[in-house]
Protein backbone atom coordinates (compact mmCIF):
# COMPACT_ATOMS: atom_id res chain seq x y z
CA MET A 1 -1.67 178.14 -21.85
CA LYS A 2 -1.54 181.59 -20.27
CA VAL A 3 1.89 183.24 -20.32
CA LEU A 4 2.73 186.48 -18.55
CA VAL A 5 5.83 188.26 -19.90
CA VAL A 6 7.43 190.72 -17.48
CA THR A 7 10.16 193.19 -18.38
CA THR A 8 11.46 196.61 -17.39
CA TYR A 9 10.13 198.65 -20.33
CA PHE A 10 7.80 197.54 -23.10
CA PRO A 11 8.06 198.40 -25.87
CA GLN A 12 11.70 199.40 -26.05
CA THR A 13 13.05 200.36 -29.48
CA SER A 14 16.34 198.50 -29.10
CA GLU A 15 14.83 195.37 -27.51
CA THR A 16 13.16 193.86 -30.56
CA PHE A 17 13.88 190.39 -29.18
CA ILE A 18 11.18 190.95 -26.53
CA LEU A 19 8.74 192.30 -29.12
CA ASP A 20 9.43 189.24 -31.28
CA HIS A 21 8.97 186.95 -28.28
CA VAL A 22 5.52 188.35 -27.53
CA ILE A 23 4.42 188.32 -31.18
CA GLY A 24 5.76 184.80 -31.56
CA LEU A 25 3.66 183.56 -28.63
CA ILE A 26 0.60 185.19 -30.20
CA SER A 27 1.37 183.45 -33.50
CA LYS A 28 1.39 180.13 -31.64
CA LYS A 29 -2.09 180.87 -30.26
CA ILE A 30 -0.75 181.25 -26.72
CA ASN A 31 -2.66 183.61 -24.46
CA VAL A 32 -0.06 186.24 -23.59
CA LYS A 33 -0.07 189.42 -21.52
CA VAL A 34 2.78 191.78 -20.65
CA ILE A 35 3.71 193.65 -17.49
CA SER A 36 6.08 196.55 -18.00
CA MET A 37 7.61 197.63 -14.69
CA PHE A 38 7.75 201.18 -16.04
CA GLU A 39 5.76 202.92 -18.71
CA ALA A 40 7.99 203.02 -21.80
CA PRO A 41 9.35 206.50 -22.53
CA LYS A 42 8.54 208.29 -25.76
CA GLN A 43 10.58 206.70 -28.54
CA VAL A 44 10.42 205.17 -32.00
CA ILE A 45 7.71 202.48 -31.96
CA HIS A 46 7.99 199.55 -34.34
CA GLN A 47 4.94 198.99 -36.54
CA GLN A 48 4.40 195.45 -35.23
CA PHE A 49 3.48 196.89 -31.82
CA GLU A 50 0.52 198.63 -33.47
CA THR A 51 -0.30 195.82 -35.90
CA TYR A 52 -0.73 193.29 -33.10
CA HIS A 53 -2.49 195.80 -30.78
CA LEU A 54 0.07 195.08 -28.07
CA ALA A 55 -0.89 198.19 -26.14
CA THR A 56 -4.10 196.37 -25.14
CA LEU A 57 -2.04 193.48 -23.72
CA THR A 58 0.46 195.64 -21.84
CA HIS A 59 0.04 196.72 -18.23
CA ASN A 60 2.38 199.34 -16.79
CA GLU A 61 3.19 199.21 -13.09
CA ARG A 62 4.57 202.73 -12.82
CA PRO A 63 4.81 205.80 -15.04
CA SER A 64 8.28 206.87 -16.12
CA GLN A 65 9.90 210.28 -16.05
CA ILE A 66 7.94 211.69 -13.12
CA SER A 67 9.07 213.89 -10.25
CA LYS A 68 10.30 212.38 -7.00
CA THR A 69 7.41 213.96 -5.11
CA TYR A 70 4.82 212.49 -7.48
CA SER A 71 6.59 209.12 -7.32
CA ILE A 72 6.38 209.04 -3.51
CA TRP A 73 2.72 210.05 -3.64
CA LEU A 74 1.95 207.21 -6.05
CA GLN A 75 3.80 204.75 -3.84
CA LEU A 76 1.77 205.84 -0.82
CA MET A 77 -1.46 205.40 -2.78
CA ASP A 78 -0.29 201.95 -3.94
CA ALA A 79 0.58 201.05 -0.35
CA PHE A 80 -2.86 202.10 0.90
CA TRP A 81 -4.58 200.06 -1.80
CA ALA A 82 -2.32 197.02 -1.24
CA CYS A 83 -2.86 197.10 2.53
CA PHE A 84 -6.62 197.19 2.03
CA ARG A 85 -6.87 194.62 -0.77
CA TYR A 86 -4.08 192.13 0.08
CA PRO A 87 -3.28 192.61 3.79
CA ARG A 88 -1.41 189.30 4.30
CA ALA A 89 0.98 189.79 1.37
CA PHE A 90 1.44 193.43 2.32
CA ALA A 91 2.30 192.44 5.91
CA LYS A 92 4.87 189.91 4.61
CA LEU A 93 6.43 192.63 2.47
CA LEU A 94 6.81 194.96 5.43
CA ALA A 95 8.17 192.14 7.62
CA MET A 96 10.91 191.11 5.18
CA SER A 97 14.36 192.12 6.37
CA GLY A 98 17.23 193.22 4.17
CA LEU A 99 15.07 194.43 1.31
CA LYS A 100 15.92 197.95 0.23
CA GLN A 101 13.24 200.37 -0.96
CA LYS A 102 10.28 198.15 -0.13
CA ARG A 103 7.96 200.88 -1.37
CA THR A 104 9.02 200.18 -4.97
CA TYR A 105 7.18 196.86 -4.68
CA PHE A 106 3.85 198.42 -3.79
CA ALA A 107 2.93 198.96 -7.46
CA ALA A 108 3.10 195.21 -8.11
CA PHE A 109 -0.05 194.71 -6.05
CA LYS A 110 -2.06 196.38 -8.85
CA ASN A 111 -1.35 193.37 -11.09
CA VAL A 112 -2.01 190.55 -8.63
CA ALA A 113 -4.81 189.20 -10.84
CA LEU A 114 -2.43 188.93 -13.81
CA TYR A 115 0.22 187.19 -11.74
CA ARG A 116 -2.28 184.71 -10.31
CA GLU A 117 -4.04 183.77 -13.54
CA ALA A 118 -0.81 182.99 -15.44
CA ASP A 119 0.24 179.39 -16.01
CA VAL A 120 3.85 180.48 -16.64
CA ILE A 121 5.63 183.77 -15.92
CA HIS A 122 8.54 184.66 -18.20
CA ALA A 123 10.87 187.43 -17.07
CA HIS A 124 13.28 189.24 -19.35
CA PHE A 125 16.49 190.25 -17.56
CA GLY A 126 17.80 188.84 -14.31
CA HIS A 127 16.87 191.79 -12.11
CA VAL A 128 13.24 191.42 -13.23
CA GLY A 129 13.31 187.71 -12.43
CA ASN A 130 14.84 188.50 -9.04
CA ARG A 131 11.92 190.79 -8.31
CA LEU A 132 9.41 188.11 -9.32
CA ILE A 133 10.95 185.55 -6.98
CA PHE A 134 10.45 188.00 -4.13
CA LEU A 135 6.82 188.54 -5.18
CA LYS A 136 6.33 184.79 -5.03
CA ARG A 137 7.90 184.71 -1.57
CA ILE A 138 5.34 187.14 -0.15
CA GLY A 139 2.39 185.47 -1.88
CA ILE A 140 1.58 187.77 -4.79
CA ILE A 141 2.64 185.04 -7.22
CA PRO A 142 1.35 181.55 -6.34
CA ARG A 143 3.97 179.09 -5.16
CA HIS A 144 3.10 176.60 -7.92
CA THR A 145 3.52 179.09 -10.81
CA PRO A 146 6.78 178.46 -12.70
CA ILE A 147 9.07 181.46 -13.25
CA ILE A 148 11.33 181.36 -16.29
CA CYS A 149 13.98 184.04 -16.73
CA SER A 150 15.84 185.04 -19.90
CA PHE A 151 19.20 186.68 -19.28
CA HIS A 152 20.61 188.99 -21.93
CA GLY A 153 24.10 189.92 -20.74
CA SER A 154 23.85 193.39 -19.26
CA ASP A 155 22.00 191.83 -16.33
CA ILE A 156 25.07 189.88 -15.29
CA ASP A 157 28.07 191.63 -16.84
CA GLU A 158 27.40 195.22 -15.82
CA PRO A 159 29.76 196.48 -13.07
CA TYR A 160 26.83 196.61 -10.60
CA TYR A 161 26.46 192.81 -10.79
CA ARG A 162 30.17 192.02 -11.11
CA GLN A 163 30.77 193.93 -7.89
CA ARG A 164 28.03 191.90 -6.16
CA PRO A 165 28.88 188.25 -6.92
CA ASN A 166 26.08 186.98 -4.64
CA PHE A 167 23.37 189.23 -6.10
CA TYR A 168 21.53 186.27 -7.71
CA HIS A 169 22.43 183.69 -5.04
CA THR A 170 18.88 183.20 -3.73
CA PHE A 171 17.30 183.80 -7.13
CA PHE A 172 19.22 180.94 -8.77
CA LYS A 173 17.98 178.58 -6.04
CA ASP A 174 14.32 179.50 -6.46
CA VAL A 175 13.89 180.20 -10.19
CA ASN A 176 12.54 177.26 -12.17
CA LEU A 177 14.58 177.63 -15.36
CA VAL A 178 16.98 180.16 -16.86
CA ILE A 179 17.34 180.86 -20.59
CA SER A 180 20.74 181.83 -22.00
CA ASN A 181 21.34 183.12 -25.54
CA SER A 182 24.93 181.87 -25.97
CA ALA A 183 27.57 179.52 -24.62
CA TYR A 184 29.45 182.57 -23.35
CA LEU A 185 26.45 183.75 -21.32
CA THR A 186 25.90 180.22 -20.04
CA SER A 187 29.45 180.19 -18.68
CA ARG A 188 28.86 183.54 -16.97
CA LEU A 189 25.65 182.27 -15.38
CA VAL A 190 27.38 179.15 -14.05
CA ALA A 191 30.26 181.25 -12.73
CA SER A 192 27.71 183.43 -10.94
CA GLY A 193 26.18 180.46 -9.14
CA CYS A 194 23.45 179.08 -11.40
CA SER A 195 23.21 175.31 -11.60
CA PRO A 196 23.89 174.09 -15.17
CA ASP A 197 20.82 171.85 -14.81
CA LYS A 198 18.60 174.93 -14.69
CA ILE A 199 20.02 176.57 -17.83
CA LYS A 200 18.50 176.17 -21.28
CA MET A 201 20.45 177.71 -24.15
CA VAL A 202 18.12 179.23 -26.73
CA LYS A 203 19.66 181.68 -29.16
CA ASN A 204 17.50 184.62 -30.18
CA GLY A 205 16.22 184.02 -33.67
CA VAL A 206 14.85 186.29 -36.38
CA ASP A 207 11.86 186.21 -38.69
CA ILE A 208 13.61 184.95 -41.83
CA ASN A 209 10.49 185.60 -43.91
CA TYR A 210 10.49 189.26 -42.90
CA PHE A 211 14.26 189.72 -43.02
CA THR A 212 14.80 188.69 -46.63
CA VAL A 213 16.03 190.48 -49.71
CA ALA A 214 16.53 189.83 -53.39
CA GLU A 215 19.82 188.11 -54.18
CA LYS A 216 22.78 190.48 -54.08
CA LYS A 217 24.03 191.35 -57.56
CA ALA A 218 27.36 192.41 -58.98
CA ASN A 219 28.19 196.10 -59.45
CA GLU A 220 25.41 197.33 -57.12
CA GLN A 221 27.96 198.86 -54.70
CA LYS A 222 30.25 200.48 -57.27
CA THR A 223 29.35 204.11 -56.55
CA HIS A 224 28.46 203.76 -52.86
CA PHE A 225 29.92 200.92 -50.82
CA ASN A 226 27.67 200.88 -47.76
CA VAL A 227 28.78 199.46 -44.42
CA LEU A 228 26.06 199.26 -41.76
CA THR A 229 25.93 199.04 -37.97
CA VAL A 230 22.65 198.75 -36.05
CA ALA A 231 23.24 199.09 -32.31
CA ARG A 232 22.68 201.15 -29.22
CA LEU A 233 25.36 203.83 -29.10
CA THR A 234 27.13 202.52 -26.02
CA GLU A 235 30.72 201.61 -25.20
CA VAL A 236 30.15 197.87 -25.55
CA LYS A 237 29.32 198.23 -29.26
CA GLY A 238 32.79 199.63 -30.06
CA ILE A 239 31.49 201.89 -32.82
CA LYS A 240 34.38 204.31 -32.53
CA TYR A 241 36.66 201.60 -33.94
CA GLY A 242 34.41 201.30 -36.99
CA ILE A 243 34.73 205.05 -37.58
CA GLU A 244 38.49 204.77 -37.10
CA ALA A 245 38.59 202.03 -39.77
CA VAL A 246 36.62 204.19 -42.20
CA LYS A 247 39.09 207.03 -41.66
CA MET A 248 41.95 204.69 -42.62
CA LEU A 249 40.20 203.60 -45.81
CA VAL A 250 39.21 207.11 -46.87
CA MET A 251 42.82 208.19 -46.39
CA GLN A 252 43.72 205.43 -48.86
CA GLY A 253 41.44 207.08 -51.42
CA ILE A 254 38.38 204.86 -51.00
CA ASN A 255 35.99 207.80 -51.05
CA HIS A 256 32.91 205.88 -52.15
CA LEU A 257 32.84 204.12 -48.74
CA HIS A 258 29.86 205.09 -46.57
CA TYR A 259 29.37 203.96 -42.96
CA HIS A 260 25.75 204.10 -41.76
CA ILE A 261 25.10 203.86 -38.02
CA ILE A 262 21.55 203.31 -36.75
CA GLY A 263 20.83 203.66 -33.06
CA GLN A 264 20.55 205.97 -30.10
CA GLY A 265 22.54 206.12 -26.89
CA GLU A 266 24.83 207.97 -24.55
CA GLN A 267 27.77 207.98 -26.97
CA MET A 268 25.94 209.97 -29.67
CA GLN A 269 27.73 213.25 -28.94
CA ALA A 270 31.15 211.60 -28.63
CA LEU A 271 30.67 209.89 -31.99
CA LYS A 272 29.55 213.14 -33.62
CA LYS A 273 32.73 214.78 -32.34
CA GLN A 274 34.87 211.92 -33.63
CA ILE A 275 33.28 212.22 -37.09
CA ALA A 276 33.85 215.98 -37.10
CA ASP A 277 37.44 215.67 -35.88
CA TYR A 278 38.19 213.13 -38.62
CA GLU A 279 36.37 215.26 -41.25
CA LEU A 280 34.22 212.28 -42.21
CA SER A 281 30.81 213.96 -42.45
CA LYS A 282 30.52 212.83 -46.08
CA ASN A 283 31.36 209.22 -45.27
CA VAL A 284 29.90 208.47 -41.81
CA HIS A 285 26.19 208.92 -41.17
CA LEU A 286 24.46 208.81 -37.77
CA TRP A 287 20.76 208.13 -38.27
CA GLY A 288 19.56 207.79 -34.68
CA ALA A 289 16.86 205.28 -33.77
CA LEU A 290 14.71 204.08 -36.69
CA ASP A 291 11.65 201.87 -36.90
CA ARG A 292 12.05 198.31 -38.11
CA GLU A 293 10.93 198.99 -41.67
CA ARG A 294 13.64 201.62 -42.15
CA VAL A 295 16.20 199.36 -40.50
CA LYS A 296 15.26 196.60 -42.94
CA SER A 297 15.62 199.02 -45.84
CA SER A 298 19.09 199.94 -44.57
CA TYR A 299 20.08 196.27 -44.48
CA ALA A 300 18.86 195.92 -48.06
CA ASN A 301 21.01 198.84 -49.22
CA ALA A 302 24.17 197.72 -47.43
CA ALA A 303 27.09 195.65 -48.69
CA VAL A 304 28.55 194.65 -45.31
CA PHE A 305 27.39 194.60 -41.70
CA LEU A 306 29.80 195.60 -38.94
CA LEU A 307 29.58 194.91 -35.20
CA PRO A 308 32.91 195.99 -33.64
CA GLY A 309 32.02 194.99 -30.07
CA VAL A 310 34.46 195.38 -27.18
CA VAL A 311 34.87 194.38 -23.56
CA THR A 312 34.10 197.58 -21.67
CA THR A 313 36.16 198.98 -18.82
CA GLY A 314 33.53 197.57 -16.45
CA GLY A 315 33.57 194.08 -18.00
CA ARG A 316 30.40 194.33 -20.09
CA VAL A 317 30.45 192.39 -23.36
CA GLU A 318 27.99 191.44 -26.11
CA THR A 319 26.52 188.00 -25.40
CA GLN A 320 24.91 187.36 -28.79
CA GLY A 321 24.08 190.36 -30.94
CA VAL A 322 20.83 189.41 -32.65
CA VAL A 323 21.48 192.09 -35.30
CA ILE A 324 24.16 189.75 -36.65
CA GLN A 325 21.45 187.23 -37.47
CA GLU A 326 19.19 189.89 -38.96
CA ALA A 327 22.05 191.02 -41.20
CA GLN A 328 22.89 187.49 -42.34
CA ALA A 329 19.21 186.82 -43.03
CA MET A 330 19.35 189.91 -45.25
CA SER A 331 22.30 188.36 -47.16
CA LEU A 332 25.02 190.52 -45.63
CA PRO A 333 28.53 189.34 -44.85
CA VAL A 334 29.33 190.26 -41.24
CA ILE A 335 32.55 191.66 -39.84
CA ALA A 336 32.53 191.32 -36.06
CA THR A 337 34.93 191.00 -33.16
CA ASN A 338 36.05 188.01 -31.11
CA VAL A 339 34.45 188.97 -27.79
CA GLY A 340 31.68 187.44 -25.70
CA GLY A 341 29.13 185.42 -27.64
CA ILE A 342 29.58 187.26 -30.95
CA PRO A 343 31.76 184.62 -32.66
CA GLU A 344 29.12 181.96 -31.97
CA GLY A 345 26.81 183.49 -34.59
CA ILE A 346 29.20 183.68 -37.55
CA ILE A 347 31.21 181.18 -39.58
CA ASP A 348 34.57 182.91 -39.88
CA GLY A 349 35.72 183.06 -43.49
CA GLU A 350 32.37 181.76 -44.79
CA THR A 351 29.55 184.08 -43.67
CA GLY A 352 31.86 186.88 -42.63
CA PHE A 353 35.04 187.64 -40.72
CA ILE A 354 35.94 187.56 -37.02
CA VAL A 355 38.58 190.18 -36.16
CA PRO A 356 40.40 191.13 -32.95
CA SER A 357 38.58 193.58 -30.71
CA GLN A 358 39.63 197.23 -30.59
CA GLU A 359 41.74 196.89 -33.73
CA ALA A 360 40.54 199.32 -36.36
CA THR A 361 43.31 198.20 -38.71
CA ALA A 362 41.90 194.67 -38.80
CA ILE A 363 38.38 196.01 -39.46
CA ALA A 364 39.66 198.22 -42.27
CA SER A 365 41.55 195.30 -43.82
CA LYS A 366 38.45 193.09 -43.99
CA ILE A 367 36.26 195.88 -45.37
CA LYS A 368 38.84 196.49 -48.08
CA THR A 369 38.97 192.76 -48.84
CA LEU A 370 35.23 192.80 -49.53
CA ILE A 371 35.47 196.01 -51.57
CA ASP A 372 38.23 194.57 -53.72
CA ASN A 373 36.80 191.07 -54.09
CA GLU A 374 33.19 191.29 -55.19
CA ASN A 375 32.91 187.58 -55.91
CA LEU A 376 33.92 186.79 -52.34
CA ARG A 377 31.40 189.30 -50.98
CA LEU A 378 28.57 187.81 -53.07
CA THR A 379 29.55 184.27 -52.08
CA MET A 380 29.56 185.25 -48.42
CA ALA A 381 26.21 187.00 -48.85
CA LYS A 382 24.63 183.79 -50.10
CA ALA A 383 26.27 181.73 -47.36
CA ALA A 384 25.08 184.21 -44.72
CA ARG A 385 21.47 183.85 -45.84
CA ASN A 386 21.72 180.06 -45.87
CA TYR A 387 23.23 180.10 -42.38
CA ALA A 388 20.44 182.30 -41.02
CA VAL A 389 17.76 180.07 -42.54
CA ALA A 390 19.37 176.96 -41.06
CA TYR A 391 20.32 178.22 -37.60
CA ALA A 392 18.59 181.54 -36.81
CA ASP A 393 14.97 180.89 -37.79
CA GLN A 394 12.82 182.38 -35.05
CA ARG A 395 10.40 179.47 -35.29
CA HIS A 396 13.07 177.16 -33.84
CA GLN A 397 13.50 179.54 -30.90
CA LEU A 398 9.75 179.77 -30.27
CA ASN A 399 9.35 176.00 -30.37
CA ALA A 400 12.18 175.64 -27.87
CA ILE A 401 10.64 178.22 -25.54
CA GLU A 402 7.24 176.56 -25.74
CA ASN A 403 8.87 173.23 -24.80
CA ILE A 404 10.58 174.95 -21.84
CA TYR A 405 7.16 176.18 -20.66
CA LYS A 406 5.77 172.66 -20.91
CA GLU A 407 8.74 171.25 -19.01
CA ALA A 408 8.29 173.81 -16.26
CA LEU A 409 4.57 173.05 -16.01
CA VAL A 410 5.19 169.32 -15.71
CA GLY A 411 7.61 169.92 -12.86
CA LYS A 412 5.48 172.41 -10.89
């Protein structure tokens, strides 16, 4: 089976679920190639990308971070080549009405051979799938080739999509199958017009053999009680409430508490200011983006994992939070909020705690509970690992996705 994975940027530091998807297909001896709509910007690259030589399997449609003039010049060159090489598809593109910025599609003609040799095309993110359906309509992608699309939340909950309720109207009619990572996301897809019959719920899993740690022991957090968050530094992650909770606990004299935050994003400067304003430089640590090995090491050194997600002002919400499963696989109790699909990945009171969103007091209370009650923390740590092994093993996810491919091929 030949599978073509298409996404916006590959690799992307924060999108390890796509990296794991590609590596998982390779491990199942599936012939896989990747189209990245844009060349990935300079960033932290996870070692697995190098280990599996994924650069040789990745084809970029367009460079990123170029001037507008250079971009237009490239589009003109792509248009000339497309007109010469695929005149019928190019003519259909120009004849389509209602399509904005048709020139952005010219670069897709460079990868016609990849699109046409694939047995299945798997898009990550709805806007990428939407683009692929259009490419099928003009003949770049063969009519018989199934298109599967994994949604991840931002592609349906961002204000842009909420303000355009019919954005995916045609896409949902033409796509073969849609993959959702939570019951919450499934409900959003149905509300946006997707037939329930087309939706397959497959939660993102983790490599439980990679994300594993020696059994947590008593007294190992006596001098430094480490709380960890791994997330993009964006509003939806609610990290400011975690910092607020730490402030409350430090004011109670719990000075050995340390909050480690791994990730990059537009809220970096605001969070730095909050830490400075609260005089928490000794207790809250912003590490920026780290490679997977260092993230794993941070899990191993932590006592508790925190994901204080919120519903943003624009309606965006976390639909799963795969880091929750990574943390539980690493034997960490999880404190997380009751928004979106987050509660679906935790057993409240057994593998961690679910708390109200935007309530730093509730977060502080549960952290203190785990500081004060080491036996409870260690019991939860063991339960978290067992839960991850039973329900978050990436092999289950990969088997489910392979079966979805087979189902789509039978129906083509």
